[in-house]
Amino acid sequence: MEKIIACCGLNCATCDARIATMANDNELRKSTAEKWQKAYNSPDITAEMINCTGCMEPGVKIGHASECQVRNCAIAKGFKTCSECSEVTTCSIIAPIHKFAPEALQNLISLRN
């Protein structure tokens, strides 16, 4: 399976926003918006917002990408992913993501090997 690892370690290749963007799939955009509205208690998410090629990949970014503390930190340090950072396992900025999605931390650790 293809892996496109975001700076936080999430696999963009399995993200519904990226899949919908790459396939130009408006039904998937709609269902993703509905799912994320509930999951993130964000009723303002719309299908039109579901467009992303991956936070560190060329192309369109999901709306909050420019505000993402993890992404901004990685960019400021000149890293493609947080796997390059010595603080990846202790970082308070990325910890909430790894608590929610422990596979993201494993993806970052695997990039180090």
N, C-alpha and C. Protein backbone atom coordinates (compact mmCIF):
# COMPACT_ATOMS: atom_id res chain seq x y z
N MET A 1 0.84 -1.18 0.00
CA MET A 1 0.00 0.00 0.00
C MET A 1 0.89 1.25 0.00
N GLU A 2 0.49 2.24 -0.76
CA GLU A 2 1.21 3.50 -0.84
C GLU A 2 1.17 4.22 0.50
N LYS A 3 2.27 4.85 0.85
CA LYS A 3 2.32 5.68 2.05
C LYS A 3 2.83 7.05 1.66
N ILE A 4 2.11 8.06 2.09
CA ILE A 4 2.53 9.45 1.96
C ILE A 4 2.45 10.00 3.37
N ILE A 5 3.57 10.06 4.04
CA ILE A 5 3.58 10.40 5.45
C ILE A 5 3.64 11.91 5.64
N ALA A 6 2.64 12.42 6.34
CA ALA A 6 2.59 13.84 6.69
C ALA A 6 3.64 14.13 7.75
N CYS A 7 3.90 15.40 8.00
CA CYS A 7 4.92 15.74 8.99
C CYS A 7 4.59 15.15 10.35
N CYS A 8 3.31 15.00 10.70
CA CYS A 8 2.90 14.44 12.00
C CYS A 8 2.92 12.92 12.03
N GLY A 9 3.04 12.30 10.87
CA GLY A 9 3.08 10.85 10.79
C GLY A 9 1.83 10.21 10.24
N LEU A 10 0.75 10.98 10.11
CA LEU A 10 -0.46 10.41 9.51
C LEU A 10 -0.16 10.04 8.06
N ASN A 11 -0.81 9.00 7.58
CA ASN A 11 -0.62 8.55 6.21
C ASN A 11 -1.64 9.24 5.31
N CYS A 12 -1.21 10.22 4.58
CA CYS A 12 -2.11 10.98 3.69
C CYS A 12 -2.74 10.09 2.62
N ALA A 13 -2.06 9.03 2.25
CA ALA A 13 -2.57 8.15 1.20
C ALA A 13 -3.88 7.48 1.62
N THR A 14 -4.14 7.38 2.92
CA THR A 14 -5.37 6.75 3.40
C THR A 14 -6.40 7.78 3.87
N CYS A 15 -6.09 9.06 3.72
CA CYS A 15 -6.99 10.13 4.17
C CYS A 15 -8.08 10.37 3.14
N ASP A 16 -9.32 10.38 3.61
CA ASP A 16 -10.45 10.58 2.70
C ASP A 16 -10.40 11.93 1.99
N ALA A 17 -9.83 12.95 2.62
CA ALA A 17 -9.73 14.25 1.96
C ALA A 17 -8.80 14.16 0.75
N ARG A 18 -7.67 13.50 0.92
CA ARG A 18 -6.74 13.36 -0.20
C ARG A 18 -7.32 12.46 -1.28
N ILE A 19 -7.93 11.37 -0.86
CA ILE A 19 -8.53 10.44 -1.83
C ILE A 19 -9.59 11.16 -2.65
N ALA A 20 -10.46 11.93 -1.98
CA ALA A 20 -11.51 12.68 -2.68
C ALA A 20 -10.92 13.71 -3.62
N THR A 21 -9.86 14.36 -3.20
CA THR A 21 -9.21 15.38 -4.02
C THR A 21 -8.59 14.76 -5.27
N MET A 22 -7.84 13.70 -5.08
CA MET A 22 -7.15 13.07 -6.20
C MET A 22 -8.13 12.46 -7.21
N ALA A 23 -9.26 11.96 -6.71
CA ALA A 23 -10.26 11.34 -7.59
C ALA A 23 -11.35 12.33 -8.02
N ASN A 24 -11.27 13.56 -7.50
CA ASN A 24 -12.31 14.56 -7.73
C ASN A 24 -13.70 13.96 -7.44
N ASP A 25 -13.81 13.35 -6.28
CA ASP A 25 -15.00 12.61 -5.88
C ASP A 25 -15.85 13.45 -4.93
N ASN A 26 -16.87 14.09 -5.47
CA ASN A 26 -17.72 14.97 -4.66
C ASN A 26 -18.56 14.22 -3.63
N GLU A 27 -18.93 13.00 -3.91
CA GLU A 27 -19.68 12.21 -2.93
C GLU A 27 -18.80 11.88 -1.72
N LEU A 28 -17.55 11.55 -1.96
CA LEU A 28 -16.63 11.29 -0.86
C LEU A 28 -16.35 12.57 -0.08
N ARG A 29 -16.25 13.70 -0.77
CA ARG A 29 -16.09 14.98 -0.08
C ARG A 29 -17.27 15.21 0.87
N LYS A 30 -18.47 14.96 0.38
CA LYS A 30 -19.68 15.18 1.18
C LYS A 30 -19.70 14.24 2.39
N SER A 31 -19.44 12.97 2.18
CA SER A 31 -19.48 12.02 3.30
C SER A 31 -18.35 12.28 4.30
N THR A 32 -17.21 12.72 3.81
CA THR A 32 -16.09 13.06 4.70
C THR A 32 -16.44 14.27 5.55
N ALA A 33 -17.02 15.28 4.93
CA ALA A 33 -17.43 16.47 5.68
C ALA A 33 -18.42 16.09 6.78
N GLU A 34 -19.38 15.26 6.45
CA GLU A 34 -20.37 14.84 7.44
C GLU A 34 -19.71 14.06 8.58
N LYS A 35 -18.80 13.16 8.23
CA LYS A 35 -18.10 12.36 9.24
C LYS A 35 -17.25 13.26 10.14
N TRP A 36 -16.53 14.20 9.55
CA TRP A 36 -15.65 15.07 10.32
C TRP A 36 -16.44 16.07 11.16
N GLN A 37 -17.61 16.49 10.68
CA GLN A 37 -18.45 17.37 11.48
C GLN A 37 -18.75 16.73 12.84
N LYS A 38 -19.08 15.45 12.79
CA LYS A 38 -19.40 14.72 14.02
C LYS A 38 -18.14 14.40 14.82
N ALA A 39 -17.13 13.87 14.17
CA ALA A 39 -15.92 13.43 14.85
C ALA A 39 -15.19 14.57 15.55
N TYR A 40 -15.20 15.74 14.94
CA TYR A 40 -14.44 16.87 15.48
C TYR A 40 -15.34 17.97 16.04
N ASN A 41 -16.63 17.65 16.17
CA ASN A 41 -17.60 18.62 16.69
C ASN A 41 -17.45 19.97 15.98
N SER A 42 -17.42 19.88 14.65
CA SER A 42 -17.21 21.06 13.80
C SER A 42 -18.28 21.13 12.73
N PRO A 43 -19.46 21.63 13.09
CA PRO A 43 -20.56 21.67 12.11
C PRO A 43 -20.31 22.57 10.91
N ASP A 44 -19.25 23.39 10.96
CA ASP A 44 -18.96 24.30 9.86
C ASP A 44 -18.19 23.66 8.72
N ILE A 45 -17.73 22.43 8.89
CA ILE A 45 -17.00 21.75 7.82
C ILE A 45 -17.97 21.44 6.68
N THR A 46 -17.59 21.84 5.48
CA THR A 46 -18.43 21.59 4.31
C THR A 46 -17.68 20.72 3.30
N ALA A 47 -18.41 20.16 2.38
CA ALA A 47 -17.80 19.34 1.33
C ALA A 47 -16.82 20.15 0.50
N GLU A 48 -17.10 21.42 0.32
CA GLU A 48 -16.21 22.29 -0.47
C GLU A 48 -14.85 22.47 0.20
N MET A 49 -14.78 22.25 1.49
CA MET A 49 -13.52 22.38 2.23
C MET A 49 -12.63 21.14 2.11
N ILE A 50 -13.20 20.05 1.64
CA ILE A 50 -12.48 18.78 1.59
C ILE A 50 -11.65 18.71 0.31
N ASN A 51 -10.49 19.33 0.37
CA ASN A 51 -9.54 19.36 -0.74
C ASN A 51 -8.14 19.40 -0.16
N CYS A 52 -7.35 18.38 -0.43
CA CYS A 52 -5.98 18.34 0.09
C CYS A 52 -5.18 17.28 -0.66
N THR A 53 -3.95 17.63 -1.00
CA THR A 53 -3.05 16.65 -1.62
C THR A 53 -2.06 16.08 -0.61
N GLY A 54 -2.09 16.61 0.61
CA GLY A 54 -1.17 16.22 1.67
C GLY A 54 -0.44 17.45 2.16
N CYS A 55 -0.26 17.56 3.46
CA CYS A 55 0.24 18.83 4.02
C CYS A 55 1.65 19.18 3.57
N MET A 56 2.44 18.20 3.21
CA MET A 56 3.80 18.49 2.78
C MET A 56 4.01 18.17 1.30
N GLU A 57 2.94 17.88 0.60
CA GLU A 57 2.98 17.57 -0.83
C GLU A 57 2.60 18.81 -1.63
N PRO A 58 3.05 18.90 -2.87
CA PRO A 58 2.63 20.02 -3.71
C PRO A 58 1.11 19.97 -3.94
N GLY A 59 0.51 21.12 -4.08
CA GLY A 59 -0.91 21.19 -4.38
C GLY A 59 -1.73 21.79 -3.25
N VAL A 60 -3.02 21.66 -3.39
CA VAL A 60 -3.98 22.26 -2.46
C VAL A 60 -3.87 21.64 -1.06
N LYS A 61 -4.13 22.46 -0.06
CA LYS A 61 -4.07 22.01 1.33
C LYS A 61 -5.43 22.19 1.99
N ILE A 62 -5.72 21.32 2.94
CA ILE A 62 -6.94 21.45 3.73
C ILE A 62 -6.86 22.80 4.47
N GLY A 63 -7.97 23.40 4.73
CA GLY A 63 -8.04 24.76 5.26
C GLY A 63 -7.17 25.06 6.46
N HIS A 64 -7.07 24.15 7.41
CA HIS A 64 -6.31 24.43 8.63
C HIS A 64 -4.81 24.18 8.50
N ALA A 65 -4.34 23.76 7.36
CA ALA A 65 -2.92 23.41 7.19
C ALA A 65 -2.01 24.58 7.55
N SER A 66 -2.38 25.79 7.15
CA SER A 66 -1.52 26.94 7.43
C SER A 66 -1.46 27.27 8.92
N GLU A 67 -2.44 26.80 9.67
CA GLU A 67 -2.50 27.04 11.12
C GLU A 67 -1.95 25.88 11.93
N CYS A 68 -1.65 24.77 11.29
CA CYS A 68 -1.23 23.56 12.00
C CYS A 68 0.11 23.79 12.69
N GLN A 69 0.13 23.70 14.02
CA GLN A 69 1.36 23.92 14.78
C GLN A 69 2.43 22.89 14.44
N VAL A 70 2.01 21.65 14.23
CA VAL A 70 2.98 20.59 13.90
C VAL A 70 3.64 20.89 12.56
N ARG A 71 2.84 21.18 11.57
CA ARG A 71 3.35 21.48 10.23
C ARG A 71 4.24 22.72 10.27
N ASN A 72 3.79 23.77 10.94
CA ASN A 72 4.57 25.01 11.01
C ASN A 72 5.90 24.80 11.72
N CYS A 73 5.91 23.98 12.76
CA CYS A 73 7.15 23.67 13.47
C CYS A 73 8.11 22.91 12.55
N ALA A 74 7.60 21.89 11.87
CA ALA A 74 8.45 21.10 10.97
C ALA A 74 9.04 21.98 9.87
N ILE A 75 8.23 22.83 9.29
CA ILE A 75 8.70 23.73 8.23
C ILE A 75 9.76 24.68 8.79
N ALA A 76 9.52 25.24 9.97
CA ALA A 76 10.47 26.17 10.58
C ALA A 76 11.82 25.50 10.84
N LYS A 77 11.79 24.21 11.16
CA LYS A 77 13.03 23.48 11.43
C LYS A 77 13.65 22.90 10.16
N GLY A 78 12.95 23.04 9.03
CA GLY A 78 13.47 22.53 7.76
C GLY A 78 13.28 21.03 7.60
N PHE A 79 12.32 20.46 8.32
CA PHE A 79 12.06 19.02 8.27
C PHE A 79 10.91 18.71 7.31
N LYS A 80 11.02 17.58 6.61
CA LYS A 80 9.88 17.09 5.81
C LYS A 80 8.86 16.43 6.73
N THR A 81 9.34 15.70 7.74
CA THR A 81 8.46 15.10 8.75
C THR A 81 9.11 15.26 10.12
N CYS A 82 8.32 15.05 11.13
CA CYS A 82 8.81 15.13 12.51
C CYS A 82 9.75 13.98 12.86
N SER A 83 9.88 13.00 11.98
CA SER A 83 10.82 11.90 12.23
C SER A 83 12.24 12.42 12.32
N GLU A 84 12.50 13.57 11.73
CA GLU A 84 13.84 14.16 11.74
C GLU A 84 14.15 14.89 13.05
N CYS A 85 13.15 15.05 13.89
CA CYS A 85 13.30 15.81 15.13
C CYS A 85 13.65 14.88 16.30
N SER A 86 14.61 15.28 17.09
CA SER A 86 15.02 14.47 18.25
C SER A 86 13.94 14.43 19.33
N GLU A 87 12.97 15.34 19.28
CA GLU A 87 11.94 15.42 20.30
C GLU A 87 10.63 14.73 19.88
N VAL A 88 10.63 13.98 18.81
CA VAL A 88 9.39 13.44 18.25
C VAL A 88 8.59 12.62 19.27
N THR A 89 9.23 11.90 20.15
CA THR A 89 8.50 11.06 21.10
C THR A 89 8.11 11.80 22.38
N THR A 90 8.64 13.02 22.57
CA THR A 90 8.34 13.78 23.78
C THR A 90 7.68 15.12 23.49
N CYS A 91 7.47 15.44 22.26
CA CYS A 91 6.95 16.75 21.85
C CYS A 91 5.50 16.96 22.29
N SER A 92 5.24 18.06 22.96
CA SER A 92 3.88 18.36 23.42
C SER A 92 2.98 18.84 22.28
N ILE A 93 3.56 19.33 21.22
CA ILE A 93 2.76 19.81 20.08
C ILE A 93 2.15 18.63 19.33
N ILE A 94 2.92 17.59 19.12
CA ILE A 94 2.46 16.46 18.32
C ILE A 94 1.76 15.38 19.15
N ALA A 95 1.96 15.41 20.46
CA ALA A 95 1.42 14.36 21.35
C ALA A 95 -0.08 14.11 21.18
N PRO A 96 -0.92 15.14 21.05
CA PRO A 96 -2.36 14.87 20.90
C PRO A 96 -2.69 14.06 19.64
N ILE A 97 -1.96 14.28 18.58
CA ILE A 97 -2.18 13.51 17.35
C ILE A 97 -1.80 12.05 17.58
N HIS A 98 -0.69 11.84 18.22
CA HIS A 98 -0.23 10.47 18.46
C HIS A 98 -1.10 9.74 19.48
N LYS A 99 -1.72 10.48 20.38
CA LYS A 99 -2.68 9.86 21.31
C LYS A 99 -3.91 9.39 20.55
N PHE A 100 -4.39 10.22 19.62
CA PHE A 100 -5.56 9.92 18.80
C PHE A 100 -5.26 8.87 17.74
N ALA A 101 -4.04 8.93 17.18
CA ALA A 101 -3.65 8.04 16.08
C ALA A 101 -2.24 7.51 16.33
N PRO A 102 -2.09 6.49 17.20
CA PRO A 102 -0.76 5.98 17.53
C PRO A 102 0.02 5.46 16.33
N GLU A 103 -0.67 5.07 15.28
CA GLU A 103 0.02 4.60 14.09
C GLU A 103 0.84 5.72 13.45
N ALA A 104 0.47 6.97 13.70
CA ALA A 104 1.23 8.09 13.15
C ALA A 104 2.63 8.13 13.75
N LEU A 105 2.74 7.89 15.04
CA LEU A 105 4.06 7.85 15.67
C LEU A 105 4.86 6.68 15.12
N GLN A 106 4.22 5.55 14.93
CA GLN A 106 4.92 4.38 14.37
C GLN A 106 5.42 4.67 12.96
N ASN A 107 4.62 5.40 12.17
CA ASN A 107 5.07 5.78 10.83
C ASN A 107 6.32 6.64 10.90
N LEU A 108 6.36 7.58 11.83
CA LEU A 108 7.53 8.45 11.97
C LEU A 108 8.75 7.65 12.42
N ILE A 109 8.56 6.76 13.37
CA ILE A 109 9.67 5.93 13.85
C ILE A 109 10.20 5.06 12.71
N SER A 110 9.30 4.53 11.89
CA SER A 110 9.73 3.67 10.77
C SER A 110 10.54 4.46 9.74
N LEU A 111 10.28 5.75 9.62
CA LEU A 111 11.06 6.59 8.69
C LEU A 111 12.49 6.77 9.16
N ARG A 112 12.71 6.63 10.45
CA ARG A 112 14.07 6.78 11.01
C ARG A 112 14.94 5.58 10.70
N ASN A 113 14.32 4.43 10.48
CA ASN A 113 15.08 3.19 10.27
C ASN A 113 15.50 3.01 8.83
